[in-house]
């Protein structure tokens, strides 16, 4: 988290969320829309509320398996984009998403 904070501190104060995220990680691939059957309820992941679910959907993230597949660089990107560096790891979003995706299989 300190490393991310140090990198973010080098950016101008008016940097957009996407610029901040690009500075510390890699944007995860998104989908153009939810798959057939509709989007998963990402709010079932502890730590994701309605606002962050909307933001994730805006990035093309609709399904548990997408979150479960995030790399370290993608976790850093999303954490910075949502202005929650480190939170994804602390709240175990990837592990929770993997468990929820497994339940759907």
PDB file of N, CA and C in Angstrom:
ATOM      1  N   UNK A   1       0.814  -1.189   0.000  1.00  0.00           N
ATOM      2  CA  UNK A   1       0.000   0.000   0.000  1.00  0.00           C
ATOM      3  C   UNK A   1       0.863   1.261   0.000  1.00  0.00           C
ATOM      4  N   UNK A   2       1.975   1.229   0.708  1.00  0.00           N
ATOM      5  CA  UNK A   2       2.859   2.404   0.741  1.00  0.00           C
ATOM      6  C   UNK A   2       3.443   2.675  -0.635  1.00  0.00           C
ATOM      7  N   UNK A   3       3.816   1.587  -1.317  1.00  0.00           N
ATOM      8  CA  UNK A   3       4.382   1.732  -2.662  1.00  0.00           C
ATOM      9  C   UNK A   3       3.356   2.374  -3.599  1.00  0.00           C
ATOM     10  N   UNK A   4       2.121   1.941  -3.510  1.00  0.00           N
ATOM     11  CA  UNK A   4       1.065   2.505  -4.352  1.00  0.00           C
ATOM     12  C   UNK A   4       0.840   3.967  -3.982  1.00  0.00           C
ATOM     13  N   UNK A   5       0.763   4.251  -2.696  1.00  0.00           N
ATOM     14  CA  UNK A   5       0.566   5.628  -2.240  1.00  0.00           C
ATOM     15  C   UNK A   5       1.691   6.529  -2.729  1.00  0.00           C
ATOM     16  N   UNK A   6       2.920   6.034  -2.693  1.00  0.00           N
ATOM     17  CA  UNK A   6       4.062   6.828  -3.163  1.00  0.00           C
ATOM     18  C   UNK A   6       3.945   7.111  -4.667  1.00  0.00           C
ATOM     19  N   UNK A   7       3.552   6.119  -5.433  1.00  0.00           N
ATOM     20  CA  UNK A   7       3.378   6.321  -6.877  1.00  0.00           C
ATOM     21  C   UNK A   7       2.261   7.315  -7.159  1.00  0.00           C
ATOM     22  N   UNK A   8       1.164   7.177  -6.433  1.00  0.00           N
ATOM     23  CA  UNK A   8       0.030   8.074  -6.652  1.00  0.00           C
ATOM     24  C   UNK A   8       0.366   9.508  -6.256  1.00  0.00           C
ATOM     25  N   UNK A   9       1.232   9.667  -5.276  1.00  0.00           N
ATOM     26  CA  UNK A   9       1.616  11.008  -4.819  1.00  0.00           C
ATOM     27  C   UNK A   9       2.374  11.783  -5.883  1.00  0.00           C
ATOM     28  N   UNK A  10       2.925  11.093  -6.876  1.00  0.00           N
ATOM     29  CA  UNK A  10       3.674  11.779  -7.929  1.00  0.00           C
ATOM     30  C   UNK A  10       2.764  12.346  -9.010  1.00  0.00           C
ATOM     31  N   UNK A  11       1.490  12.011  -8.967  1.00  0.00           N
ATOM     32  CA  UNK A  11       0.544  12.490  -9.983  1.00  0.00           C
ATOM     33  C   UNK A  11      -0.023  13.849  -9.604  1.00  0.00           C
ATOM     34  N   UNK A  12      -0.469  14.616 -10.595  1.00  0.00           N
ATOM     35  CA  UNK A  12      -1.135  15.887 -10.276  1.00  0.00           C
ATOM     36  C   UNK A  12      -2.419  15.630  -9.487  1.00  0.00           C
ATOM     37  N   UNK A  13      -2.799  16.591  -8.682  1.00  0.00           N
ATOM     38  CA  UNK A  13      -3.995  16.455  -7.842  1.00  0.00           C
ATOM     39  C   UNK A  13      -5.264  16.242  -8.667  1.00  0.00           C
ATOM     40  N   UNK A  14      -5.290  16.750  -9.889  1.00  0.00           N
ATOM     41  CA  UNK A  14      -6.488  16.644 -10.719  1.00  0.00           C
ATOM     42  C   UNK A  14      -6.475  15.417 -11.637  1.00  0.00           C
ATOM     43  N   UNK A  15      -5.600  14.460 -11.369  1.00  0.00           N
ATOM     44  CA  UNK A  15      -5.558  13.231 -12.173  1.00  0.00           C
ATOM     45  C   UNK A  15      -6.890  12.495 -12.037  1.00  0.00           C
ATOM     46  N   UNK A  16      -7.358  11.944 -13.147  1.00  0.00           N
ATOM     47  CA  UNK A  16      -8.623  11.208 -13.133  1.00  0.00           C
ATOM     48  C   UNK A  16      -8.420   9.850 -12.448  1.00  0.00           C
ATOM     49  N   UNK A  17      -9.509   9.216 -12.019  1.00  0.00           N
ATOM     50  CA  UNK A  17      -9.370   7.876 -11.433  1.00  0.00           C
ATOM     51  C   UNK A  17      -8.662   6.902 -12.387  1.00  0.00           C
ATOM     52  N   UNK A  18      -8.958   6.991 -13.667  1.00  0.00           N
ATOM     53  CA  UNK A  18      -8.318   6.103 -14.628  1.00  0.00           C
ATOM     54  C   UNK A  18      -6.820   6.395 -14.754  1.00  0.00           C
ATOM     55  N   UNK A  19      -6.441   7.660 -14.757  1.00  0.00           N
ATOM     56  CA  UNK A  19      -5.018   8.014 -14.810  1.00  0.00           C
ATOM     57  C   UNK A  19      -4.290   7.504 -13.572  1.00  0.00           C
ATOM     58  N   UNK A  20      -4.925   7.633 -12.424  1.00  0.00           N
ATOM     59  CA  UNK A  20      -4.323   7.154 -11.182  1.00  0.00           C
ATOM     60  C   UNK A  20      -4.124   5.642 -11.250  1.00  0.00           C
ATOM     61  N   UNK A  21      -5.149   4.942 -11.711  1.00  0.00           N
ATOM     62  CA  UNK A  21      -5.081   3.485 -11.803  1.00  0.00           C
ATOM     63  C   UNK A  21      -4.022   3.037 -12.807  1.00  0.00           C
ATOM     64  N   UNK A  22      -3.968   3.703 -13.958  1.00  0.00           N
ATOM     65  CA  UNK A  22      -2.984   3.356 -14.988  1.00  0.00           C
ATOM     66  C   UNK A  22      -1.555   3.512 -14.470  1.00  0.00           C
ATOM     67  N   UNK A  23      -1.373   4.385 -13.499  1.00  0.00           N
ATOM     68  CA  UNK A  23      -0.048   4.663 -12.941  1.00  0.00           C
ATOM     69  C   UNK A  23       0.466   3.531 -12.049  1.00  0.00           C
ATOM     70  N   UNK A  24      -0.445   2.683 -11.558  1.00  0.00           N
ATOM     71  CA  UNK A  24      -0.026   1.652 -10.605  1.00  0.00           C
ATOM     72  C   UNK A  24      -0.334   0.217 -11.034  1.00  0.00           C
ATOM     73  N   UNK A  25      -1.079   0.034 -12.102  1.00  0.00           N
ATOM     74  CA  UNK A  25      -1.446  -1.331 -12.469  1.00  0.00           C
ATOM     75  C   UNK A  25      -1.922  -1.445 -13.903  1.00  0.00           C
ATOM     76  N   UNK A  26      -2.616  -2.538 -14.174  1.00  0.00           N
ATOM     77  CA  UNK A  26      -3.113  -2.844 -15.504  1.00  0.00           C
ATOM     78  C   UNK A  26      -4.620  -3.034 -15.434  1.00  0.00           C
ATOM     79  N   UNK A  27      -5.335  -2.343 -16.303  1.00  0.00           N
ATOM     80  CA  UNK A  27      -6.790  -2.438 -16.318  1.00  0.00           C
ATOM     81  C   UNK A  27      -7.227  -3.849 -16.713  1.00  0.00           C
ATOM     82  N   UNK A  28      -8.148  -4.442 -15.947  1.00  0.00           N
ATOM     83  CA  UNK A  28      -8.632  -5.771 -16.320  1.00  0.00           C
ATOM     84  C   UNK A  28      -9.516  -5.692 -17.565  1.00  0.00           C
ATOM     85  N   UNK A  29      -9.485  -6.745 -18.355  1.00  0.00           N
ATOM     86  CA  UNK A  29     -10.339  -6.791 -19.537  1.00  0.00           C
ATOM     87  C   UNK A  29     -11.788  -6.845 -19.083  1.00  0.00           C
ATOM     88  N   UNK A  30     -12.598  -6.075 -19.735  1.00  0.00           N
ATOM     89  CA  UNK A  30     -14.017  -6.066 -19.423  1.00  0.00           C
ATOM     90  C   UNK A  30     -14.811  -6.689 -20.562  1.00  0.00           C
ATOM     91  N   UNK A  31     -16.073  -6.900 -20.314  1.00  0.00           N
ATOM     92  CA  UNK A  31     -16.989  -7.408 -21.322  1.00  0.00           C
ATOM     93  C   UNK A  31     -17.862  -6.262 -21.825  1.00  0.00           C
ATOM     94  N   UNK A  32     -18.368  -6.356 -23.059  1.00  0.00           N
ATOM     95  CA  UNK A  32     -19.250  -5.296 -23.550  1.00  0.00           C
ATOM     96  C   UNK A  32     -20.596  -5.262 -22.823  1.00  0.00           C
ATOM     97  N   UNK A  33     -20.951  -6.366 -22.190  1.00  0.00           N
ATOM     98  CA  UNK A  33     -22.188  -6.446 -21.414  1.00  0.00           C
ATOM     99  C   UNK A  33     -22.199  -7.750 -20.640  1.00  0.00           C
ATOM    100  N   UNK A  34     -23.186  -7.887 -19.784  1.00  0.00           N
ATOM    101  CA  UNK A  34     -23.308  -9.124 -19.007  1.00  0.00           C
ATOM    102  C   UNK A  34     -23.609 -10.290 -19.952  1.00  0.00           C
ATOM    103  N   UNK A  35     -23.141 -11.454 -19.572  1.00  0.00           N
ATOM    104  CA  UNK A  35     -23.428 -12.659 -20.348  1.00  0.00           C
ATOM    105  C   UNK A  35     -24.915 -12.992 -20.259  1.00  0.00           C
ATOM    106  N   UNK A  36     -25.344 -13.917 -21.129  1.00  0.00           N
ATOM    107  CA  UNK A  36     -26.726 -14.376 -21.089  1.00  0.00           C
ATOM    108  C   UNK A  36     -27.041 -14.841 -19.674  1.00  0.00           C
ATOM    109  N   UNK A  37     -28.208 -14.530 -19.211  1.00  0.00           N
ATOM    110  CA  UNK A  37     -28.556 -14.872 -17.830  1.00  0.00           C
ATOM    111  C   UNK A  37     -28.383 -13.678 -16.912  1.00  0.00           C
ATOM    112  N   UNK A  38     -27.700 -12.641 -17.389  1.00  0.00           N
ATOM    113  CA  UNK A  38     -27.555 -11.420 -16.615  1.00  0.00           C
ATOM    114  C   UNK A  38     -26.320 -11.374 -15.746  1.00  0.00           C
ATOM    115  N   UNK A  39     -26.095 -10.205 -15.217  1.00  0.00           N
ATOM    116  CA  UNK A  39     -24.929  -9.951 -14.371  1.00  0.00           C
ATOM    117  C   UNK A  39     -25.082 -10.653 -13.027  1.00  0.00           C
ATOM    118  N   UNK A  40     -23.946 -11.035 -12.458  1.00  0.00           N
ATOM    119  CA  UNK A  40     -23.939 -11.543 -11.092  1.00  0.00           C
ATOM    120  C   UNK A  40     -24.146 -10.373 -10.136  1.00  0.00           C
ATOM    121  N   UNK A  41     -24.650 -10.661  -8.965  1.00  0.00           N
ATOM    122  CA  UNK A  41     -24.828  -9.646  -7.930  1.00  0.00           C
ATOM    123  C   UNK A  41     -23.492  -9.469  -7.211  1.00  0.00           C
ATOM    124  N   UNK A  42     -22.652  -8.574  -7.735  1.00  0.00           N
ATOM    125  CA  UNK A  42     -21.318  -8.375  -7.176  1.00  0.00           C
ATOM    126  C   UNK A  42     -21.359  -7.894  -5.732  1.00  0.00           C
ATOM    127  N   UNK A  43     -22.507  -7.374  -5.310  1.00  0.00           N
ATOM    128  CA  UNK A  43     -22.651  -6.934  -3.918  1.00  0.00           C
ATOM    129  C   UNK A  43     -22.603  -8.105  -2.940  1.00  0.00           C
ATOM    130  N   UNK A  44     -22.667  -9.327  -3.445  1.00  0.00           N
ATOM    131  CA  UNK A  44     -22.521 -10.499  -2.573  1.00  0.00           C
ATOM    132  C   UNK A  44     -21.073 -10.650  -2.100  1.00  0.00           C
ATOM    133  N   UNK A  45     -20.150  -9.960  -2.752  1.00  0.00           N
ATOM    134  CA  UNK A  45     -18.755  -9.929  -2.310  1.00  0.00           C
ATOM    135  C   UNK A  45     -18.666  -8.887  -1.201  1.00  0.00           C
ATOM    136  N   UNK A  46     -18.284  -9.334   0.004  1.00  0.00           N
ATOM    137  CA  UNK A  46     -18.186  -8.406   1.139  1.00  0.00           C
ATOM    138  C   UNK A  46     -17.208  -7.297   0.781  1.00  0.00           C
ATOM    139  N   UNK A  47     -17.671  -6.060   0.882  1.00  0.00           N
ATOM    140  CA  UNK A  47     -16.838  -4.914   0.563  1.00  0.00           C
ATOM    141  C   UNK A  47     -17.280  -4.196  -0.704  1.00  0.00           C
ATOM    142  N   UNK A  48     -18.140  -4.841  -1.489  1.00  0.00           N
ATOM    143  CA  UNK A  48     -18.667  -4.195  -2.697  1.00  0.00           C
ATOM    144  C   UNK A  48     -20.112  -3.791  -2.419  1.00  0.00           C
ATOM    145  N   UNK A  49     -20.342  -2.488  -2.464  1.00  0.00           N
ATOM    146  CA  UNK A  49     -21.691  -1.965  -2.298  1.00  0.00           C
ATOM    147  C   UNK A  49     -22.256  -1.537  -3.644  1.00  0.00           C
ATOM    148  N   UNK A  50     -23.423  -0.922  -3.632  1.00  0.00           N
ATOM    149  CA  UNK A  50     -24.071  -0.524  -4.879  1.00  0.00           C
ATOM    150  C   UNK A  50     -23.240   0.422  -5.749  1.00  0.00           C
ATOM    151  N   UNK A  51     -22.558   1.368  -5.134  1.00  0.00           N
ATOM    152  CA  UNK A  51     -21.767   2.328  -5.906  1.00  0.00           C
ATOM    153  C   UNK A  51     -20.600   1.634  -6.605  1.00  0.00           C
ATOM    154  N   UNK A  52     -19.864   0.810  -5.862  1.00  0.00           N
ATOM    155  CA  UNK A  52     -18.729   0.113  -6.478  1.00  0.00           C
ATOM    156  C   UNK A  52     -19.193  -0.927  -7.493  1.00  0.00           C
ATOM    157  N   UNK A  53     -20.339  -1.545  -7.262  1.00  0.00           N
ATOM    158  CA  UNK A  53     -20.862  -2.473  -8.257  1.00  0.00           C
ATOM    159  C   UNK A  53     -21.125  -1.732  -9.567  1.00  0.00           C
ATOM    160  N   UNK A  54     -21.712  -0.546  -9.483  1.00  0.00           N
ATOM    161  CA  UNK A  54     -21.961   0.273 -10.681  1.00  0.00           C
ATOM    162  C   UNK A  54     -20.651   0.637 -11.373  1.00  0.00           C
ATOM    163  N   UNK A  55     -19.654   1.015 -10.594  1.00  0.00           N
ATOM    164  CA  UNK A  55     -18.356   1.372 -11.176  1.00  0.00           C
ATOM    165  C   UNK A  55     -17.723   0.167 -11.867  1.00  0.00           C
ATOM    166  N   UNK A  56     -17.796  -1.003 -11.237  1.00  0.00           N
ATOM    167  CA  UNK A  56     -17.245  -2.213 -11.843  1.00  0.00           C
ATOM    168  C   UNK A  56     -17.997  -2.562 -13.128  1.00  0.00           C
ATOM    169  N   UNK A  57     -19.321  -2.465 -13.084  1.00  0.00           N
ATOM    170  CA  UNK A  57     -20.096  -2.713 -14.295  1.00  0.00           C
ATOM    171  C   UNK A  57     -19.711  -1.739 -15.397  1.00  0.00           C
ATOM    172  N   UNK A  58     -19.424  -0.498 -15.028  1.00  0.00           N
ATOM    173  CA  UNK A  58     -18.977   0.502 -16.000  1.00  0.00           C
ATOM    174  C   UNK A  58     -17.648   0.142 -16.646  1.00  0.00           C
ATOM    175  N   UNK A  59     -16.863  -0.687 -15.959  1.00  0.00           N
ATOM    176  CA  UNK A  59     -15.586  -1.171 -16.502  1.00  0.00           C
ATOM    177  C   UNK A  59     -15.758  -2.479 -17.283  1.00  0.00           C
ATOM    178  N   UNK A  60     -16.990  -2.979 -17.334  1.00  0.00           N
ATOM    179  CA  UNK A  60     -17.235  -4.244 -18.022  1.00  0.00           C
ATOM    180  C   UNK A  60     -17.044  -5.455 -17.130  1.00  0.00           C
ATOM    181  N   UNK A  61     -17.068  -5.238 -15.819  1.00  0.00           N
ATOM    182  CA  UNK A  61     -16.923  -6.331 -14.851  1.00  0.00           C
ATOM    183  C   UNK A  61     -18.330  -6.636 -14.315  1.00  0.00           C
ATOM    184  N   UNK A  62     -18.863  -7.798 -14.700  1.00  0.00           N
ATOM    185  CA  UNK A  62     -20.230  -8.177 -14.349  1.00  0.00           C
ATOM    186  C   UNK A  62     -20.333  -9.500 -13.594  1.00  0.00           C
ATOM    187  N   UNK A  63     -19.251 -10.294 -13.608  1.00  0.00           N
ATOM    188  CA  UNK A  63     -19.360 -11.666 -13.133  1.00  0.00           C
ATOM    189  C   UNK A  63     -18.270 -12.019 -12.113  1.00  0.00           C
ATOM    190  N   UNK A  64     -18.642 -12.926 -11.216  1.00  0.00           N
ATOM    191  CA  UNK A  64     -17.715 -13.377 -10.181  1.00  0.00           C
ATOM    192  C   UNK A  64     -16.438 -13.949 -10.779  1.00  0.00           C
ATOM    193  N   UNK A  65     -16.561 -14.724 -11.860  1.00  0.00           N
ATOM    194  CA  UNK A  65     -15.366 -15.341 -12.431  1.00  0.00           C
ATOM    195  C   UNK A  65     -14.389 -14.310 -12.979  1.00  0.00           C
ATOM    196  N   UNK A  66     -14.892 -13.153 -13.392  1.00  0.00           N
ATOM    197  CA  UNK A  66     -13.990 -12.087 -13.838  1.00  0.00           C
ATOM    198  C   UNK A  66     -13.147 -11.579 -12.671  1.00  0.00           C
ATOM    199  N   UNK A  67     -13.786 -11.317 -11.552  1.00  0.00           N
ATOM    200  CA  UNK A  67     -13.074 -10.834 -10.365  1.00  0.00           C
ATOM    201  C   UNK A  67     -12.114 -11.909  -9.868  1.00  0.00           C
ATOM    202  N   UNK A  68     -12.562 -13.163  -9.882  1.00  0.00           N
ATOM    203  CA  UNK A  68     -11.734 -14.280  -9.405  1.00  0.00           C
ATOM    204  C   UNK A  68     -10.454 -14.434 -10.219  1.00  0.00           C
ATOM    205  N   UNK A  69     -10.464 -13.977 -11.465  1.00  0.00           N
ATOM    206  CA  UNK A  69      -9.310 -14.145 -12.359  1.00  0.00           C
ATOM    207  C   UNK A  69      -8.350 -12.961 -12.356  1.00  0.00           C
ATOM    208  N   UNK A  70      -8.611 -11.930 -11.544  1.00  0.00           N
ATOM    209  CA  UNK A  70      -7.739 -10.754 -11.544  1.00  0.00           C
ATOM    210  C   UNK A  70      -6.320 -11.110 -11.132  1.00  0.00           C
ATOM    211  N   UNK A  71      -5.366 -10.554 -11.866  1.00  0.00           N
ATOM    212  CA  UNK A  71      -3.941 -10.677 -11.532  1.00  0.00           C
ATOM    213  C   UNK A  71      -3.586  -9.622 -10.487  1.00  0.00           C
ATOM    214  N   UNK A  72      -2.378  -9.698  -9.957  1.00  0.00           N
ATOM    215  CA  UNK A  72      -1.896  -8.705  -8.989  1.00  0.00           C
ATOM    216  C   UNK A  72      -1.963  -7.295  -9.594  1.00  0.00           C
ATOM    217  N   UNK A  73      -1.530  -7.151 -10.844  1.00  0.00           N
ATOM    218  CA  UNK A  73      -1.541  -5.840 -11.510  1.00  0.00           C
ATOM    219  C   UNK A  73      -2.968  -5.325 -11.696  1.00  0.00           C
ATOM    220  N   UNK A  74      -3.899  -6.207 -11.968  1.00  0.00           N
ATOM    221  CA  UNK A  74      -5.296  -5.804 -12.136  1.00  0.00           C
ATOM    222  C   UNK A  74      -5.923  -5.418 -10.795  1.00  0.00           C
ATOM    223  N   UNK A  75      -5.562  -6.132  -9.744  1.00  0.00           N
ATOM    224  CA  UNK A  75      -6.042  -5.781  -8.398  1.00  0.00           C
ATOM    225  C   UNK A  75      -5.561  -4.382  -8.033  1.00  0.00           C
ATOM    226  N   UNK A  76      -4.303  -4.103  -8.328  1.00  0.00           N
ATOM    227  CA  UNK A  76      -3.756  -2.769  -8.034  1.00  0.00           C
ATOM    228  C   UNK A  76      -4.502  -1.702  -8.824  1.00  0.00           C
ATOM    229  N   UNK A  77      -4.781  -1.992 -10.108  1.00  0.00           N
ATOM    230  CA  UNK A  77      -5.479  -1.024 -10.963  1.00  0.00           C
ATOM    231  C   UNK A  77      -6.870  -0.738 -10.408  1.00  0.00           C
ATOM    232  N   UNK A  78      -7.637  -1.784 -10.142  1.00  0.00           N
ATOM    233  CA  UNK A  78      -9.006  -1.603  -9.661  1.00  0.00           C
ATOM    234  C   UNK A  78      -9.001  -0.910  -8.302  1.00  0.00           C
ATOM    235  N   UNK A  79      -8.089  -1.296  -7.425  1.00  0.00           N
ATOM    236  CA  UNK A  79      -8.007  -0.654  -6.114  1.00  0.00           C
ATOM    237  C   UNK A  79      -7.760   0.842  -6.225  1.00  0.00           C
ATOM    238  N   UNK A  80      -6.857   1.226  -7.110  1.00  0.00           N
ATOM    239  CA  UNK A  80      -6.579   2.654  -7.308  1.00  0.00           C
ATOM    240  C   UNK A  80      -7.758   3.354  -7.986  1.00  0.00           C
ATOM    241  N   UNK A  81      -8.372   2.699  -8.943  1.00  0.00           N
ATOM    242  CA  UNK A  81      -9.514   3.285  -9.657  1.00  0.00           C
ATOM    243  C   UNK A  81     -10.664   3.564  -8.693  1.00  0.00           C
ATOM    244  N   UNK A  82     -10.914   2.624  -7.801  1.00  0.00           N
ATOM    245  CA  UNK A  82     -11.999   2.795  -6.834  1.00  0.00           C
ATOM    246  C   UNK A  82     -11.575   3.631  -5.628  1.00  0.00           C
ATOM    247  N   UNK A  83     -10.313   4.053  -5.609  1.00  0.00           N
ATOM    248  CA  UNK A  83      -9.741   4.841  -4.508  1.00  0.00           C
ATOM    249  C   UNK A  83      -9.681   4.038  -3.211  1.00  0.00           C
ATOM    250  N   UNK A  84      -9.430   2.718  -3.340  1.00  0.00           N
ATOM    251  CA  UNK A  84      -9.314   1.829  -2.187  1.00  0.00           C
ATOM    252  C   UNK A  84      -8.065   0.974  -2.288  1.00  0.00           C
ATOM    253  N   UNK A  85      -6.877   1.559  -2.458  1.00  0.00           N
ATOM    254  CA  UNK A  85      -5.687   0.709  -2.549  1.00  0.00           C
ATOM    255  C   UNK A  85      -5.568  -0.221  -1.338  1.00  0.00           C
ATOM    256  N   UNK A  86      -5.360  -1.500  -1.599  1.00  0.00           N
ATOM    257  CA  UNK A  86      -5.186  -2.476  -0.548  1.00  0.00           C
ATOM    258  C   UNK A  86      -6.473  -3.117  -0.054  1.00  0.00           C
ATOM    259  N   UNK A  87      -7.586  -2.484  -0.283  1.00  0.00           N
ATOM    260  CA  UNK A  87      -8.859  -2.979   0.238  1.00  0.00           C
ATOM    261  C   UNK A  87      -9.254  -4.314  -0.389  1.00  0.00           C
ATOM    262  N   UNK A  88      -9.004  -4.485  -1.680  1.00  0.00           N
ATOM    263  CA  UNK A  88      -9.381  -5.716  -2.370  1.00  0.00           C
ATOM    264  C   UNK A  88      -8.697  -6.910  -1.707  1.00  0.00           C
ATOM    265  N   UNK A  89      -7.434  -6.765  -1.357  1.00  0.00           N
ATOM    266  CA  UNK A  89      -6.718  -7.850  -0.672  1.00  0.00           C
ATOM    267  C   UNK A  89      -7.225  -8.036   0.755  1.00  0.00           C
ATOM    268  N   UNK A  90      -7.386  -6.947   1.477  1.00  0.00           N
ATOM    269  CA  UNK A  90      -7.832  -7.042   2.880  1.00  0.00           C
ATOM    270  C   UNK A  90      -9.188  -7.737   2.990  1.00  0.00           C
ATOM    271  N   UNK A  91     -10.072  -7.438   2.051  1.00  0.00           N
ATOM    272  CA  UNK A  91     -11.423  -7.998   2.106  1.00  0.00           C
ATOM    273  C   UNK A  91     -11.558  -9.283   1.289  1.00  0.00           C
ATOM    274  N   UNK A  92     -10.450  -9.706   0.666  1.00  0.00           N
ATOM    275  CA  UNK A  92     -10.398 -10.978  -0.051  1.00  0.00           C
ATOM    276  C   UNK A  92     -11.433 -11.076  -1.176  1.00  0.00           C
ATOM    277  N   UNK A  93     -11.560 -10.012  -1.963  1.00  0.00           N
ATOM    278  CA  UNK A  93     -12.544 -10.010  -3.042  1.00  0.00           C
ATOM    279  C   UNK A  93     -12.320 -11.160  -4.021  1.00  0.00           C
ATOM    280  N   UNK A  94     -11.060 -11.407  -4.390  1.00  0.00           N
ATOM    281  CA  UNK A  94     -10.756 -12.436  -5.387  1.00  0.00           C
ATOM    282  C   UNK A  94     -11.148 -13.814  -4.857  1.00  0.00           C
ATOM    283  N   UNK A  95     -10.805 -14.114  -3.621  1.00  0.00           N
ATOM    284  CA  UNK A  95     -11.160 -15.408  -3.025  1.00  0.00           C
ATOM    285  C   UNK A  95     -12.673 -15.540  -2.872  1.00  0.00           C
ATOM    286  N   UNK A  96     -13.322 -14.474  -2.422  1.00  0.00           N
ATOM    287  CA  UNK A  96     -14.775 -14.515  -2.292  1.00  0.00           C
ATOM    288  C   UNK A  96     -15.420 -14.743  -3.654  1.00  0.00           C
ATOM    289  N   UNK A  97     -14.935 -14.055  -4.684  1.00  0.00           N
ATOM    290  CA  UNK A  97     -15.487 -14.193  -6.032  1.00  0.00           C
ATOM    291  C   UNK A  97     -15.294 -15.602  -6.561  1.00  0.00           C
ATOM    292  N   UNK A  98     -14.125 -16.193  -6.292  1.00  0.00           N
ATOM    293  CA  UNK A  98     -13.864 -17.564  -6.741  1.00  0.00           C
ATOM    294  C   UNK A  98     -14.839 -18.533  -6.084  1.00  0.00           C
ATOM    295  N   UNK A  99     -15.087 -18.340  -4.804  1.00  0.00           N
ATOM    296  CA  UNK A  99     -16.037 -19.203  -4.097  1.00  0.00           C
ATOM    297  C   UNK A  99     -17.437 -19.041  -4.672  1.00  0.00           C
ATOM    298  N   UNK A 100     -17.857 -17.807  -4.887  1.00  0.00           N
ATOM    299  CA  UNK A 100     -19.188 -17.560  -5.435  1.00  0.00           C
ATOM    300  C   UNK A 100     -19.318 -18.083  -6.867  1.00  0.00           C
ATOM    301  N   UNK A 101     -18.282 -17.944  -7.653  1.00  0.00           N
ATOM    302  CA  UNK A 101     -18.305 -18.462  -9.030  1.00  0.00           C
ATOM    303  C   UNK A 101     -18.409 -19.979  -9.012  1.00  0.00           C
ATOM    304  N   UNK A 102     -17.718 -20.628  -8.066  1.00  0.00           N
ATOM    305  CA  UNK A 102     -17.771 -22.088  -7.955  1.00  0.00           C
ATOM    306  C   UNK A 102     -19.137 -22.599  -7.583  1.00  0.00           C
ATOM    307  N   UNK A 103     -19.864 -21.824  -6.805  1.00  0.00           N
ATOM    308  CA  UNK A 103     -21.214 -22.220  -6.392  1.00  0.00           C
ATOM    309  C   UNK A 103     -22.179 -22.208  -7.571  1.00  0.00           C
ATOM    310  N   UNK A 104     -21.857 -21.393  -8.601  1.00  0.00           N
ATOM    311  CA  UNK A 104     -22.752 -21.263  -9.746  1.00  0.00           C
ATOM    312  C   UNK A 104     -22.527 -22.374 -10.754  1.00  0.00           C
ATOM    313  N   UNK A 105     -21.416 -23.054 -10.674  1.00  0.00           N
ATOM    314  CA  UNK A 105     -21.093 -24.089 -11.671  1.00  0.00           C
ATOM    315  C   UNK A 105     -21.971 -25.300 -11.528  1.00  0.00           C
TER     316      UNK A 105
END
